[in-house]
Amino acid sequence: QVQLQESGPGLVSPSQTLYLTCAVSGVSITSDVVYWSWIRRPPGKALEFMGAITRSGITYDSPVSPSLRSRTSISRDLSKNQITLQLRSVTPEDTAVYYCARGSALPARAWVTTNEFDVWGQGTRVTVSA
């Protein structure tokens, strides 16, 4: 059974860098043709696709604003079978629940639905505040 578990700080100060990890169990992140993705849900808003990484380490940006793309980096740690998200220069608008998920295709839009991914982590809440 494939399971995903996000972890990271619950509170980040504005202008700092947010680091999140997603521990993958039940399958190797290099084994299948899938997209290991980061998605977030700001309060009162829809699910927003932030980007993805493939089994070979190729990354894909979200079709969101250039500002978000320029601040986001997705990588992987093969020794730990983990996916990582780095979001630089955070602002209160980055407050959200952050999820990692597995998908068989890249989303066509920035705003996604749960059925576009077959496995989800439980999510980790991040608040950006001084």
Protein backbone atom coordinates (compact mmCIF):
# COMPACT_ATOMS: atom_id res chain seq x y z
CA GLN A 1 0.00 0.00 0.00
CA VAL A 2 1.43 3.35 -1.07
CA GLN A 3 1.40 6.00 1.63
CA LEU A 4 2.54 9.62 1.66
CA GLN A 5 3.35 11.64 4.76
CA GLU A 6 4.11 15.35 4.69
CA SER A 7 6.13 17.07 7.38
CA GLY A 8 7.39 20.54 8.04
CA PRO A 9 7.07 23.58 10.29
CA GLY A 10 3.61 24.72 11.16
CA LEU A 11 4.66 28.36 11.36
CA VAL A 12 7.02 30.31 9.13
CA SER A 13 7.94 33.98 9.30
CA PRO A 14 7.42 36.21 6.26
CA SER A 15 10.38 36.39 3.85
CA GLN A 16 11.74 33.05 5.11
CA THR A 17 12.05 29.81 3.16
CA LEU A 18 9.56 27.01 3.73
CA TYR A 19 10.88 23.46 3.54
CA LEU A 20 8.48 20.53 3.40
CA THR A 21 9.18 16.84 2.96
CA CYS A 22 6.98 14.03 1.76
CA ALA A 23 7.97 10.55 2.90
CA VAL A 24 6.84 7.89 0.44
CA SER A 25 6.33 4.32 1.61
CA GLY A 26 5.15 1.20 -0.18
CA VAL A 27 6.85 2.04 -3.48
CA SER A 28 10.11 3.51 -4.69
CA ILE A 29 9.84 7.03 -6.07
CA THR A 30 11.96 5.84 -9.01
CA SER A 31 9.86 2.82 -9.93
CA ASP A 32 6.86 4.09 -11.86
CA VAL A 33 5.97 6.59 -14.54
CA VAL A 34 4.14 8.95 -12.23
CA TYR A 35 4.30 12.57 -11.12
CA TRP A 36 5.07 13.15 -7.49
CA SER A 37 3.31 16.42 -6.90
CA TRP A 38 2.92 19.23 -4.41
CA ILE A 39 -0.50 20.82 -4.05
CA ARG A 40 -1.80 23.36 -1.62
CA ARG A 41 -5.16 24.69 -0.48
CA PRO A 42 -5.17 28.24 0.83
CA PRO A 43 -8.02 29.07 3.22
CA GLY A 44 -11.29 29.34 1.35
CA LYS A 45 -9.73 28.55 -2.00
CA ALA A 46 -9.40 25.59 -4.34
CA LEU A 47 -6.56 23.10 -4.59
CA GLU A 48 -3.58 24.67 -6.34
CA PHE A 49 -1.01 22.55 -8.16
CA MET A 50 2.51 23.77 -7.34
CA GLY A 51 4.68 21.39 -9.33
CA ALA A 52 5.87 17.83 -9.71
CA ILE A 53 8.92 15.62 -10.11
CA THR A 54 9.26 12.37 -12.03
CA ARG A 55 11.08 9.15 -11.26
CA SER A 56 14.09 10.39 -13.25
CA GLY A 57 14.20 13.72 -11.42
CA ILE A 58 12.64 15.90 -14.09
CA THR A 59 10.65 18.73 -12.52
CA TYR A 60 7.59 20.52 -13.81
CA ASP A 61 6.38 23.92 -12.72
CA SER A 62 2.85 24.90 -11.99
CA PRO A 63 0.95 26.93 -14.58
CA VAL A 64 0.31 29.55 -11.93
CA SER A 65 1.87 32.96 -11.56
CA PRO A 66 5.52 33.56 -12.51
CA SER A 67 6.04 34.74 -8.95
CA LEU A 68 5.12 31.35 -7.56
CA ARG A 69 7.14 29.46 -10.15
CA SER A 70 10.24 31.53 -9.42
CA ARG A 71 9.98 30.82 -5.69
CA THR A 72 9.31 27.07 -5.87
CA SER A 73 11.78 24.21 -6.08
CA ILE A 74 10.95 20.52 -5.96
CA SER A 75 13.59 17.87 -5.44
CA ARG A 76 13.98 14.33 -4.16
CA ASP A 77 16.11 12.39 -1.72
CA LEU A 78 16.58 8.88 -3.08
CA SER A 79 18.27 7.63 0.08
CA LYS A 80 15.15 8.50 2.08
CA ASN A 81 12.57 7.93 -0.67
CA GLN A 82 11.31 11.45 -0.12
CA ILE A 83 10.10 14.38 -2.16
CA THR A 84 10.88 17.88 -0.97
CA LEU A 85 9.38 21.30 -1.55
CA GLN A 86 11.20 24.56 -1.09
CA LEU A 87 9.20 27.80 -1.21
CA ARG A 88 11.27 30.94 -0.89
CA SER A 89 10.33 34.43 0.28
CA VAL A 90 7.02 33.35 1.77
CA THR A 91 4.23 35.81 2.49
CA PRO A 92 0.96 35.43 4.42
CA GLU A 93 -0.65 34.53 1.06
CA ASP A 94 1.31 31.28 1.19
CA THR A 95 -0.65 30.17 4.25
CA ALA A 96 -2.28 26.90 3.28
CA VAL A 97 -2.54 23.19 3.85
CA TYR A 98 0.18 21.59 1.76
CA TYR A 99 -0.24 18.13 0.27
CA CYS A 100 1.91 15.74 -1.65
CA ALA A 101 0.18 13.42 -4.07
CA ARG A 102 0.84 10.94 -6.84
CA GLY A 103 -0.60 11.42 -10.28
CA SER A 104 -0.38 9.53 -13.57
CA ALA A 105 -0.42 12.73 -15.62
CA LEU A 106 0.40 16.39 -15.23
CA PRO A 107 -2.60 18.59 -14.51
CA ALA A 108 -3.70 20.74 -17.41
CA ARG A 109 -4.64 23.64 -15.13
CA ALA A 110 -3.34 25.25 -11.99
CA TRP A 111 -6.51 24.46 -10.05
CA VAL A 112 -6.97 20.74 -9.57
CA THR A 113 -9.42 18.29 -8.06
CA THR A 114 -8.75 15.34 -5.81
CA ASN A 115 -9.58 12.74 -8.46
CA GLU A 116 -6.65 13.84 -10.62
CA PHE A 117 -4.32 12.09 -8.19
CA ASP A 118 -4.64 8.53 -6.91
CA VAL A 119 -2.71 8.78 -3.64
CA TRP A 120 -2.67 11.73 -1.23
CA GLY A 121 -0.90 12.53 1.97
CA GLN A 122 -2.92 13.82 4.88
CA GLY A 123 -1.56 17.33 4.43
CA THR A 124 0.39 19.65 6.66
CA ARG A 125 -0.88 23.07 7.69
CA VAL A 126 1.51 25.98 7.23
CA THR A 127 0.87 29.47 8.55
CA VAL A 128 3.00 32.40 7.45
CA SER A 129 2.94 35.04 10.13
CA ALA A 130 5.24 37.28 12.08
